[in-house]
Amino acid sequence: MKPEKKTKKNRISNVIFGLIFFAGFSILIYPMISAVYYDYEASNEVNDFNKEVELLSDQQIKARIDKAKAYNQSLTGNEALHDAYSKAQEQEGQREYAKMLEVHEKIGHVEIPAIHQDIPLFAGTTERVLQQGLGHLENTSLPVGGKNTHSIITGHRGLPDKKLFTDLDKMKIGDMIYVHNIQGILAYKVERIKVIKPDDFRDLKIKKGTDRLTLLTCTPYMINSHRLIVTGHRVPYTPEATSHQSTQEPWWYKFLYVYKNYLIGIGLSIVIYLLYRYFKKYRKKKVNR
């Protein structure tokens, strides 16, 4: 074969390999880029919620929280508690559902230091909501705290472009969950982690005299035949504990923790490409000797 034809053939094969590698690398890196972008957007959503809440007056916040508590009271079925709020307030709370807590569609955000997540919280569990962040399960207590309440918050795991509850199975007993609403921050300490069947609601019911929160997602990963629940009970909120948990690890550690699988895949791709280039040059030198 003539040298010029051989060179042309090698050039074409290099271009084809380069295009295949670039296409594969793009497919591999897309989920990470999407996840980083979602985290950026989620951070903006959280900041937007916090800024808008600062514009509400104390009277507005109290009126909204009273409606939310009236809604929660209507779920308990405990007639002895009806003196705290009028029947009209309860009915208004039921009609409006979570509208009284919304600020730009969000009713708050959920901070989970153990898995490095701070995710916007919306009312309802439609697919549109769950693609944006976390959803509050209808007909469960709104996340405003108080005795005889049990808020259920749901989220996807395993989405290609978002983490959300992907690492929920890594949580441990004693981990903290912080719910930010228009009034302040509620702290919950994880007391139980359990896998249940989709139609088993016993662990999701209100327990008299308690203030509980449950995070719920599908499991096993990619099969989704059961539900993973992480339940916590209300504890006093201490800003120092939150600050310590959020600052004890540098930003790069959190980045590596969240995106380690993507980075491993990208690293392997680069190694494969470099090995290909090395052996190609080695073989070329061997032929030219």
C-alpha atoms as a PDB file:
ATOM      1  CA  MET A   1       0.000   0.000   0.000  1.00  0.00           C
ATOM      2  CA  LYS A   2       1.294   3.425  -0.891  1.00  0.00           C
ATOM      3  CA  PRO A   3       2.321   5.631   2.053  1.00  0.00           C
ATOM      4  CA  GLU A   4      -0.124   8.402   1.108  1.00  0.00           C
ATOM      5  CA  LYS A   5      -3.064   5.940   0.966  1.00  0.00           C
ATOM      6  CA  LYS A   6      -2.043   4.427   4.282  1.00  0.00           C
ATOM      7  CA  THR A   7      -1.791   7.878   5.847  1.00  0.00           C
ATOM      8  CA  LYS A   8      -5.216   8.828   4.497  1.00  0.00           C
ATOM      9  CA  LYS A   9      -6.738   5.592   5.823  1.00  0.00           C
ATOM     10  CA  ASN A  10      -5.207   6.203   9.264  1.00  0.00           C
ATOM     11  CA  ARG A  11      -6.511   9.758   9.245  1.00  0.00           C
ATOM     12  CA  ILE A  12     -10.053   8.566   8.452  1.00  0.00           C
ATOM     13  CA  SER A  13      -9.915   5.888  11.168  1.00  0.00           C
ATOM     14  CA  ASN A  14      -8.676   8.502  13.659  1.00  0.00           C
ATOM     15  CA  VAL A  15     -11.557  10.819  12.774  1.00  0.00           C
ATOM     16  CA  ILE A  16     -14.102   7.991  13.124  1.00  0.00           C
ATOM     17  CA  PHE A  17     -12.666   6.893  16.477  1.00  0.00           C
ATOM     18  CA  GLY A  18     -12.557  10.503  17.644  1.00  0.00           C
ATOM     19  CA  LEU A  19     -16.213  11.039  16.753  1.00  0.00           C
ATOM     20  CA  ILE A  20     -17.251   7.795  18.477  1.00  0.00           C
ATOM     21  CA  PHE A  21     -15.240   8.697  21.577  1.00  0.00           C
ATOM     22  CA  PHE A  22     -16.632  12.238  21.654  1.00  0.00           C
ATOM     23  CA  ALA A  23     -20.213  10.944  21.307  1.00  0.00           C
ATOM     24  CA  GLY A  24     -19.700   8.376  24.069  1.00  0.00           C
ATOM     25  CA  PHE A  25     -17.952  10.885  26.318  1.00  0.00           C
ATOM     26  CA  SER A  26     -20.776  13.408  25.788  1.00  0.00           C
ATOM     27  CA  ILE A  27     -23.370  10.793  26.755  1.00  0.00           C
ATOM     28  CA  LEU A  28     -21.323   9.919  29.834  1.00  0.00           C
ATOM     29  CA  ILE A  29     -20.768  13.493  31.006  1.00  0.00           C
ATOM     30  CA  TYR A  30     -24.318  14.727  30.283  1.00  0.00           C
ATOM     31  CA  PRO A  31     -25.848  13.382  33.543  1.00  0.00           C
ATOM     32  CA  MET A  32     -23.154  15.084  35.607  1.00  0.00           C
ATOM     33  CA  ILE A  33     -23.544  18.415  33.813  1.00  0.00           C
ATOM     34  CA  SER A  34     -27.332  18.153  34.212  1.00  0.00           C
ATOM     35  CA  ALA A  35     -27.000  17.290  37.904  1.00  0.00           C
ATOM     36  CA  VAL A  36     -24.626  20.201  38.535  1.00  0.00           C
ATOM     37  CA  TYR A  37     -27.005  22.525  36.699  1.00  0.00           C
ATOM     38  CA  TYR A  38     -29.982  21.238  38.731  1.00  0.00           C
ATOM     39  CA  ASP A  39     -28.065  21.835  41.969  1.00  0.00           C
ATOM     40  CA  TYR A  40     -27.374  25.380  40.807  1.00  0.00           C
ATOM     41  CA  GLU A  41     -31.058  25.921  39.978  1.00  0.00           C
ATOM     42  CA  ALA A  42     -32.169  24.333  43.262  1.00  0.00           C
ATOM     43  CA  SER A  43     -29.821  26.626  45.175  1.00  0.00           C
ATOM     44  CA  ASN A  44     -31.363  29.616  43.392  1.00  0.00           C
ATOM     45  CA  GLU A  45     -34.862  28.348  44.238  1.00  0.00           C
ATOM     46  CA  VAL A  46     -33.920  28.014  47.902  1.00  0.00           C
ATOM     47  CA  ASN A  47     -32.384  31.497  48.002  1.00  0.00           C
ATOM     48  CA  ASP A  48     -35.421  32.916  46.211  1.00  0.00           C
ATOM     49  CA  PHE A  49     -37.744  31.360  48.809  1.00  0.00           C
ATOM     50  CA  ASN A  50     -35.695  32.720  51.713  1.00  0.00           C
ATOM     51  CA  LYS A  51     -35.591  36.233  50.228  1.00  0.00           C
ATOM     52  CA  GLU A  52     -39.332  36.311  49.539  1.00  0.00           C
ATOM     53  CA  VAL A  53     -40.126  35.107  53.062  1.00  0.00           C
ATOM     54  CA  GLU A  54     -38.214  38.089  54.460  1.00  0.00           C
ATOM     55  CA  LEU A  55     -40.716  40.372  52.706  1.00  0.00           C
ATOM     56  CA  LEU A  56     -43.671  38.873  54.607  1.00  0.00           C
ATOM     57  CA  SER A  57     -44.843  40.660  57.738  1.00  0.00           C
ATOM     58  CA  ASP A  58     -45.209  38.861  61.067  1.00  0.00           C
ATOM     59  CA  GLN A  59     -48.985  39.227  60.762  1.00  0.00           C
ATOM     60  CA  GLN A  60     -49.019  37.625  57.317  1.00  0.00           C
ATOM     61  CA  ILE A  61     -46.874  34.734  58.498  1.00  0.00           C
ATOM     62  CA  LYS A  62     -49.036  34.147  61.581  1.00  0.00           C
ATOM     63  CA  ALA A  63     -52.233  34.154  59.501  1.00  0.00           C
ATOM     64  CA  ARG A  64     -50.766  31.649  57.050  1.00  0.00           C
ATOM     65  CA  ILE A  65     -49.401  29.356  59.754  1.00  0.00           C
ATOM     66  CA  ASP A  66     -52.759  29.438  61.585  1.00  0.00           C
ATOM     67  CA  LYS A  67     -54.488  28.227  58.409  1.00  0.00           C
ATOM     68  CA  ALA A  68     -51.901  25.483  57.948  1.00  0.00           C
ATOM     69  CA  LYS A  69     -52.368  24.326  61.539  1.00  0.00           C
ATOM     70  CA  ALA A  70     -56.118  24.376  61.063  1.00  0.00           C
ATOM     71  CA  TYR A  71     -55.668  22.135  58.032  1.00  0.00           C
ATOM     72  CA  ASN A  72     -53.477  19.788  60.080  1.00  0.00           C
ATOM     73  CA  GLN A  73     -56.043  19.706  62.853  1.00  0.00           C
ATOM     74  CA  SER A  74     -58.698  18.575  60.388  1.00  0.00           C
ATOM     75  CA  LEU A  75     -56.598  15.467  59.678  1.00  0.00           C
ATOM     76  CA  THR A  76     -56.349  14.254  63.272  1.00  0.00           C
ATOM     77  CA  GLY A  77     -59.992  13.398  63.787  1.00  0.00           C
ATOM     78  CA  ASN A  78     -59.558  14.541  67.391  1.00  0.00           C
ATOM     79  CA  GLU A  79     -62.655  16.533  68.295  1.00  0.00           C
ATOM     80  CA  ALA A  80     -61.100  17.647  71.601  1.00  0.00           C
ATOM     81  CA  LEU A  81     -58.697  19.890  69.714  1.00  0.00           C
ATOM     82  CA  HIS A  82     -61.321  21.806  67.769  1.00  0.00           C
ATOM     83  CA  ASP A  83     -61.436  24.645  70.275  1.00  0.00           C
ATOM     84  CA  ALA A  84     -58.084  26.017  69.056  1.00  0.00           C
ATOM     85  CA  TYR A  85     -59.430  26.965  65.623  1.00  0.00           C
ATOM     86  CA  SER A  86     -62.873  27.696  64.288  1.00  0.00           C
ATOM     87  CA  LYS A  87     -64.641  25.291  61.932  1.00  0.00           C
ATOM     88  CA  ALA A  88     -64.520  27.997  59.254  1.00  0.00           C
ATOM     89  CA  GLN A  89     -60.738  28.134  59.527  1.00  0.00           C
ATOM     90  CA  GLU A  90     -60.528  24.353  59.162  1.00  0.00           C
ATOM     91  CA  GLN A  91     -62.698  24.383  56.045  1.00  0.00           C
ATOM     92  CA  GLU A  92     -60.676  27.240  54.559  1.00  0.00           C
ATOM     93  CA  GLY A  93     -57.482  25.352  55.312  1.00  0.00           C
ATOM     94  CA  GLN A  94     -58.830  22.245  53.557  1.00  0.00           C
ATOM     95  CA  ARG A  95     -59.917  24.248  50.509  1.00  0.00           C
ATOM     96  CA  GLU A  96     -56.612  26.009  50.132  1.00  0.00           C
ATOM     97  CA  TYR A  97     -54.545  22.923  51.040  1.00  0.00           C
ATOM     98  CA  ALA A  98     -50.949  24.220  51.040  1.00  0.00           C
ATOM     99  CA  LYS A  99     -51.575  27.542  49.289  1.00  0.00           C
ATOM    100  CA  MET A 100     -51.132  29.441  52.531  1.00  0.00           C
ATOM    101  CA  LEU A 101     -47.517  28.270  52.764  1.00  0.00           C
ATOM    102  CA  GLU A 102     -46.530  28.900  49.160  1.00  0.00           C
ATOM    103  CA  VAL A 103     -44.004  31.504  48.098  1.00  0.00           C
ATOM    104  CA  HIS A 104     -43.483  31.417  44.330  1.00  0.00           C
ATOM    105  CA  GLU A 105     -45.037  27.901  44.269  1.00  0.00           C
ATOM    106  CA  LYS A 106     -42.657  26.555  46.927  1.00  0.00           C
ATOM    107  CA  ILE A 107     -43.789  25.779  50.471  1.00  0.00           C
ATOM    108  CA  GLY A 108     -40.213  25.558  51.753  1.00  0.00           C
ATOM    109  CA  HIS A 109     -37.073  23.518  51.341  1.00  0.00           C
ATOM    110  CA  VAL A 110     -35.643  20.413  53.007  1.00  0.00           C
ATOM    111  CA  GLU A 111     -32.032  20.333  54.162  1.00  0.00           C
ATOM    112  CA  ILE A 112     -30.378  16.935  54.718  1.00  0.00           C
ATOM    113  CA  PRO A 113     -26.733  17.460  55.753  1.00  0.00           C
ATOM    114  CA  ALA A 114     -25.898  13.718  55.861  1.00  0.00           C
ATOM    115  CA  ILE A 115     -26.369  13.389  52.088  1.00  0.00           C
ATOM    116  CA  HIS A 116     -25.466  16.996  51.216  1.00  0.00           C
ATOM    117  CA  GLN A 117     -28.873  17.979  49.867  1.00  0.00           C
ATOM    118  CA  ASP A 118     -30.983  21.136  50.221  1.00  0.00           C
ATOM    119  CA  ILE A 119     -34.017  20.662  47.975  1.00  0.00           C
ATOM    120  CA  PRO A 120     -37.019  22.893  47.183  1.00  0.00           C
ATOM    121  CA  LEU A 121     -40.330  21.607  48.568  1.00  0.00           C
ATOM    122  CA  PHE A 122     -43.621  21.896  46.686  1.00  0.00           C
ATOM    123  CA  ALA A 123     -47.240  21.020  47.453  1.00  0.00           C
ATOM    124  CA  GLY A 124     -48.527  17.775  45.958  1.00  0.00           C
ATOM    125  CA  THR A 125     -46.871  14.792  44.348  1.00  0.00           C
ATOM    126  CA  THR A 126     -47.585  15.209  40.646  1.00  0.00           C
ATOM    127  CA  GLU A 127     -44.822  14.184  38.242  1.00  0.00           C
ATOM    128  CA  ARG A 128     -44.304  17.861  37.393  1.00  0.00           C
ATOM    129  CA  VAL A 129     -43.632  18.598  41.068  1.00  0.00           C
ATOM    130  CA  LEU A 130     -41.332  15.593  41.562  1.00  0.00           C
ATOM    131  CA  GLN A 131     -39.278  16.588  38.532  1.00  0.00           C
ATOM    132  CA  GLN A 132     -38.669  19.992  40.156  1.00  0.00           C
ATOM    133  CA  GLY A 133     -37.857  18.851  43.680  1.00  0.00           C
ATOM    134  CA  LEU A 134     -39.660  17.266  46.625  1.00  0.00           C
ATOM    135  CA  GLY A 135     -43.413  16.980  47.064  1.00  0.00           C
ATOM    136  CA  HIS A 136     -45.585  17.118  50.172  1.00  0.00           C
ATOM    137  CA  LEU A 137     -47.949  14.131  50.201  1.00  0.00           C
ATOM    138  CA  GLU A 138     -51.570  15.225  50.104  1.00  0.00           C
ATOM    139  CA  ASN A 139     -53.757  14.404  53.120  1.00  0.00           C
ATOM    140  CA  THR A 140     -50.781  14.380  55.469  1.00  0.00           C
ATOM    141  CA  SER A 141     -49.806  17.124  57.904  1.00  0.00           C
ATOM    142  CA  LEU A 142     -48.346  20.285  56.413  1.00  0.00           C
ATOM    143  CA  PRO A 143     -44.740  20.834  57.571  1.00  0.00           C
ATOM    144  CA  VAL A 144     -45.384  23.481  60.223  1.00  0.00           C
ATOM    145  CA  GLY A 145     -44.867  21.318  63.306  1.00  0.00           C
ATOM    146  CA  GLY A 146     -47.110  20.795  66.314  1.00  0.00           C
ATOM    147  CA  LYS A 147     -48.474  17.837  68.269  1.00  0.00           C
ATOM    148  CA  ASN A 148     -50.535  15.220  66.436  1.00  0.00           C
ATOM    149  CA  THR A 149     -48.764  15.841  63.123  1.00  0.00           C
ATOM    150  CA  HIS A 150     -46.914  13.618  60.677  1.00  0.00           C
ATOM    151  CA  SER A 151     -45.689  15.239  57.463  1.00  0.00           C
ATOM    152  CA  ILE A 152     -44.777  12.963  54.551  1.00  0.00           C
ATOM    153  CA  ILE A 153     -42.330  14.314  51.973  1.00  0.00           C
ATOM    154  CA  THR A 154     -41.698  12.348  48.797  1.00  0.00           C
ATOM    155  CA  GLY A 155     -38.974  12.476  46.176  1.00  0.00           C
ATOM    156  CA  HIS A 156     -37.529  10.542  43.260  1.00  0.00           C
ATOM    157  CA  ARG A 157     -34.238   8.688  43.327  1.00  0.00           C
ATOM    158  CA  GLY A 158     -32.090   7.572  40.433  1.00  0.00           C
ATOM    159  CA  LEU A 159     -33.011  10.337  38.000  1.00  0.00           C
ATOM    160  CA  PRO A 160     -30.213  10.853  35.445  1.00  0.00           C
ATOM    161  CA  ASP A 161     -30.101  14.634  35.881  1.00  0.00           C
ATOM    162  CA  LYS A 162     -30.791  15.057  39.633  1.00  0.00           C
ATOM    163  CA  LYS A 163     -29.720  13.452  42.905  1.00  0.00           C
ATOM    164  CA  LEU A 164     -32.791  14.298  45.064  1.00  0.00           C
ATOM    165  CA  PHE A 165     -33.370  11.184  47.250  1.00  0.00           C
ATOM    166  CA  THR A 166     -30.877   8.940  45.404  1.00  0.00           C
ATOM    167  CA  ASP A 167     -28.693   8.644  48.525  1.00  0.00           C
ATOM    168  CA  LEU A 168     -31.538   8.403  51.029  1.00  0.00           C
ATOM    169  CA  ASP A 169     -30.555   4.793  51.796  1.00  0.00           C
ATOM    170  CA  LYS A 170     -27.220   6.102  53.125  1.00  0.00           C
ATOM    171  CA  MET A 171     -28.891   7.921  56.023  1.00  0.00           C
ATOM    172  CA  LYS A 172     -28.432   6.625  59.561  1.00  0.00           C
ATOM    173  CA  ILE A 173     -30.304   6.728  62.843  1.00  0.00           C
ATOM    174  CA  GLY A 174     -29.539  10.039  64.550  1.00  0.00           C
ATOM    175  CA  ASP A 175     -29.049  12.027  61.334  1.00  0.00           C
ATOM    176  CA  MET A 176     -30.790  15.401  61.177  1.00  0.00           C
ATOM    177  CA  ILE A 177     -33.411  16.714  58.751  1.00  0.00           C
ATOM    178  CA  TYR A 178     -34.254  20.430  58.619  1.00  0.00           C
ATOM    179  CA  VAL A 179     -37.487  21.729  57.118  1.00  0.00           C
ATOM    180  CA  HIS A 180     -37.472  25.431  56.252  1.00  0.00           C
ATOM    181  CA  ASN A 181     -40.929  27.033  56.013  1.00  0.00           C
ATOM    182  CA  ILE A 182     -42.202  30.606  56.042  1.00  0.00           C
ATOM    183  CA  GLN A 183     -42.055  30.761  59.843  1.00  0.00           C
ATOM    184  CA  GLY A 184     -38.650  29.252  60.497  1.00  0.00           C
ATOM    185  CA  ILE A 185     -36.748  25.981  60.663  1.00  0.00           C
ATOM    186  CA  LEU A 186     -38.027  22.689  62.079  1.00  0.00           C
ATOM    187  CA  ALA A 187     -35.470  20.080  63.164  1.00  0.00           C
ATOM    188  CA  TYR A 188     -36.131  16.334  63.089  1.00  0.00           C
ATOM    189  CA  LYS A 189     -33.848  13.560  64.325  1.00  0.00           C
ATOM    190  CA  VAL A 190     -34.015  10.269  62.428  1.00  0.00           C
ATOM    191  CA  GLU A 191     -35.350   7.490  64.632  1.00  0.00           C
ATOM    192  CA  ARG A 192     -36.353   4.831  62.111  1.00  0.00           C
ATOM    193  CA  ILE A 193     -35.356   3.679  58.619  1.00  0.00           C
ATOM    194  CA  LYS A 194     -37.585   1.038  57.105  1.00  0.00           C
ATOM    195  CA  VAL A 195     -38.676  -0.586  53.837  1.00  0.00           C
ATOM    196  CA  ILE A 196     -42.438  -1.024  53.434  1.00  0.00           C
ATOM    197  CA  LYS A 197     -44.867  -2.192  50.769  1.00  0.00           C
ATOM    198  CA  PRO A 198     -46.577   0.535  48.692  1.00  0.00           C
ATOM    199  CA  ASP A 199     -49.972  -0.223  50.262  1.00  0.00           C
ATOM    200  CA  ASP A 200     -48.731  -0.391  53.860  1.00  0.00           C
ATOM    201  CA  PHE A 201     -49.612   2.932  55.497  1.00  0.00           C
ATOM    202  CA  ARG A 202     -49.303   1.929  59.157  1.00  0.00           C
ATOM    203  CA  ASP A 203     -45.986   3.724  59.682  1.00  0.00           C
ATOM    204  CA  LEU A 204     -47.252   6.861  57.944  1.00  0.00           C
ATOM    205  CA  LYS A 205     -50.185   7.565  60.238  1.00  0.00           C
ATOM    206  CA  ILE A 206     -50.333  10.303  62.861  1.00  0.00           C
ATOM    207  CA  LYS A 207     -49.280   9.106  66.295  1.00  0.00           C
ATOM    208  CA  LYS A 208     -51.106  10.897  69.085  1.00  0.00           C
ATOM    209  CA  GLY A 209     -49.067  13.539  70.883  1.00  0.00           C
ATOM    210  CA  THR A 210     -46.098  13.403  68.506  1.00  0.00           C
ATOM    211  CA  ASP A 211     -44.585  15.671  65.858  1.00  0.00           C
ATOM    212  CA  ARG A 212     -42.972  13.532  63.164  1.00  0.00           C
ATOM    213  CA  LEU A 213     -41.641  13.821  59.634  1.00  0.00           C
ATOM    214  CA  THR A 214     -41.080  11.054  57.074  1.00  0.00           C
ATOM    215  CA  LEU A 215     -39.044  11.152  53.869  1.00  0.00           C
ATOM    216  CA  LEU A 216     -40.364   8.619  51.361  1.00  0.00           C
ATOM    217  CA  THR A 217     -38.954   7.267  48.100  1.00  0.00           C
ATOM    218  CA  CYS A 218     -39.065   4.167  45.910  1.00  0.00           C
ATOM    219  CA  THR A 219     -36.759   1.181  46.451  1.00  0.00           C
ATOM    220  CA  PRO A 220     -34.874  -0.952  45.423  1.00  0.00           C
ATOM    221  CA  TYR A 221     -33.027   1.330  43.055  1.00  0.00           C
ATOM    222  CA  MET A 222     -34.432   1.081  39.500  1.00  0.00           C
ATOM    223  CA  ILE A 223     -36.935  -1.636  40.551  1.00  0.00           C
ATOM    224  CA  ASN A 224     -39.235   0.466  42.763  1.00  0.00           C
ATOM    225  CA  SER A 225     -41.338  -2.393  44.106  1.00  0.00           C
ATOM    226  CA  HIS A 226     -41.247  -1.085  47.700  1.00  0.00           C
ATOM    227  CA  ARG A 227     -40.935   2.198  49.581  1.00  0.00           C
ATOM    228  CA  LEU A 228     -38.032   3.379  51.711  1.00  0.00           C
ATOM    229  CA  ILE A 229     -39.101   5.576  54.614  1.00  0.00           C
ATOM    230  CA  VAL A 230     -36.860   7.651  56.875  1.00  0.00           C
ATOM    231  CA  THR A 231     -38.789   8.930  59.900  1.00  0.00           C
ATOM    232  CA  GLY A 232     -37.674  11.518  62.426  1.00  0.00           C
ATOM    233  CA  HIS A 233     -39.155  13.073  65.551  1.00  0.00           C
ATOM    234  CA  ARG A 234     -39.108  16.785  66.308  1.00  0.00           C
ATOM    235  CA  VAL A 235     -36.221  18.112  68.384  1.00  0.00           C
ATOM    236  CA  PRO A 236     -35.250  21.679  69.334  1.00  0.00           C
ATOM    237  CA  TYR A 237     -33.555  23.523  66.499  1.00  0.00           C
ATOM    238  CA  THR A 238     -30.059  24.799  67.249  1.00  0.00           C
ATOM    239  CA  PRO A 239     -28.429  27.040  64.606  1.00  0.00           C
ATOM    240  CA  GLU A 240     -24.972  26.047  65.863  1.00  0.00           C
ATOM    241  CA  ALA A 241     -25.575  22.383  64.977  1.00  0.00           C
ATOM    242  CA  THR A 242     -26.738  23.274  61.469  1.00  0.00           C
ATOM    243  CA  SER A 243     -23.780  25.568  60.921  1.00  0.00           C
ATOM    244  CA  HIS A 244     -21.366  22.913  62.156  1.00  0.00           C
ATOM    245  CA  GLN A 245     -22.802  20.223  59.889  1.00  0.00           C
ATOM    246  CA  SER A 246     -22.753  22.466  56.827  1.00  0.00           C
ATOM    247  CA  THR A 247     -19.196  23.741  57.316  1.00  0.00           C
ATOM    248  CA  GLN A 248     -17.307  20.758  58.738  1.00  0.00           C
ATOM    249  CA  GLU A 249     -16.543  19.467  55.223  1.00  0.00           C
ATOM    250  CA  PRO A 250     -15.005  21.562  52.400  1.00  0.00           C
ATOM    251  CA  TRP A 251     -17.019  22.202  49.236  1.00  0.00           C
ATOM    252  CA  TRP A 252     -14.774  19.954  47.139  1.00  0.00           C
ATOM    253  CA  TYR A 253     -15.470  16.983  49.444  1.00  0.00           C
ATOM    254  CA  LYS A 254     -19.205  17.453  48.990  1.00  0.00           C
ATOM    255  CA  PHE A 255     -18.700  17.745  45.221  1.00  0.00           C
ATOM    256  CA  LEU A 256     -16.730  14.480  45.140  1.00  0.00           C
ATOM    257  CA  TYR A 257     -19.300  12.768  47.380  1.00  0.00           C
ATOM    258  CA  VAL A 258     -22.252  13.709  45.199  1.00  0.00           C
ATOM    259  CA  TYR A 259     -20.615  13.218  41.797  1.00  0.00           C
ATOM    260  CA  LYS A 260     -18.062  10.474  42.483  1.00  0.00           C
ATOM    261  CA  ASN A 261     -19.733   7.925  40.180  1.00  0.00           C
ATOM    262  CA  TYR A 262     -19.784  10.387  37.287  1.00  0.00           C
ATOM    263  CA  LEU A 263     -16.154  11.342  37.897  1.00  0.00           C
ATOM    264  CA  ILE A 264     -15.057   7.693  37.973  1.00  0.00           C
ATOM    265  CA  GLY A 265     -16.749   7.079  34.619  1.00  0.00           C
ATOM    266  CA  ILE A 266     -15.152  10.164  33.091  1.00  0.00           C
ATOM    267  CA  GLY A 267     -11.747   9.189  34.473  1.00  0.00           C
ATOM    268  CA  LEU A 268     -12.006   5.671  33.032  1.00  0.00           C
ATOM    269  CA  SER A 269     -12.968   7.096  29.633  1.00  0.00           C
ATOM    270  CA  ILE A 270      -9.908   9.346  29.623  1.00  0.00           C
ATOM    271  CA  VAL A 271      -7.644   6.439  30.644  1.00  0.00           C
ATOM    272  CA  ILE A 272      -9.052   4.240  27.850  1.00  0.00           C
ATOM    273  CA  TYR A 273      -8.495   7.000  25.313  1.00  0.00           C
ATOM    274  CA  LEU A 274      -4.903   7.610  26.469  1.00  0.00           C
ATOM    275  CA  LEU A 275      -4.150   3.876  26.374  1.00  0.00           C
ATOM    276  CA  TYR A 276      -5.534   3.701  22.847  1.00  0.00           C
ATOM    277  CA  ARG A 277      -3.306   6.579  21.762  1.00  0.00           C
ATOM    278  CA  TYR A 278      -0.261   5.070  23.467  1.00  0.00           C
ATOM    279  CA  PHE A 279      -0.613   1.602  21.941  1.00  0.00           C
ATOM    280  CA  LYS A 280      -1.342   3.090  18.528  1.00  0.00           C
ATOM    281  CA  LYS A 281       1.879   5.121  18.624  1.00  0.00           C
ATOM    282  CA  TYR A 282       3.791   2.127  19.985  1.00  0.00           C
ATOM    283  CA  ARG A 283       2.535  -0.112  17.176  1.00  0.00           C
ATOM    284  CA  LYS A 284       3.335   2.579  14.603  1.00  0.00           C
ATOM    285  CA  LYS A 285       6.922   2.858  15.878  1.00  0.00           C
ATOM    286  CA  LYS A 286       7.263  -0.929  15.797  1.00  0.00           C
ATOM    287  CA  VAL A 287       6.106  -1.075  12.158  1.00  0.00           C
ATOM    288  CA  ASN A 288       8.492   1.714  11.113  1.00  0.00           C
ATOM    289  CA  ARG A 289      11.561  -0.026  12.560  1.00  0.00           C
END
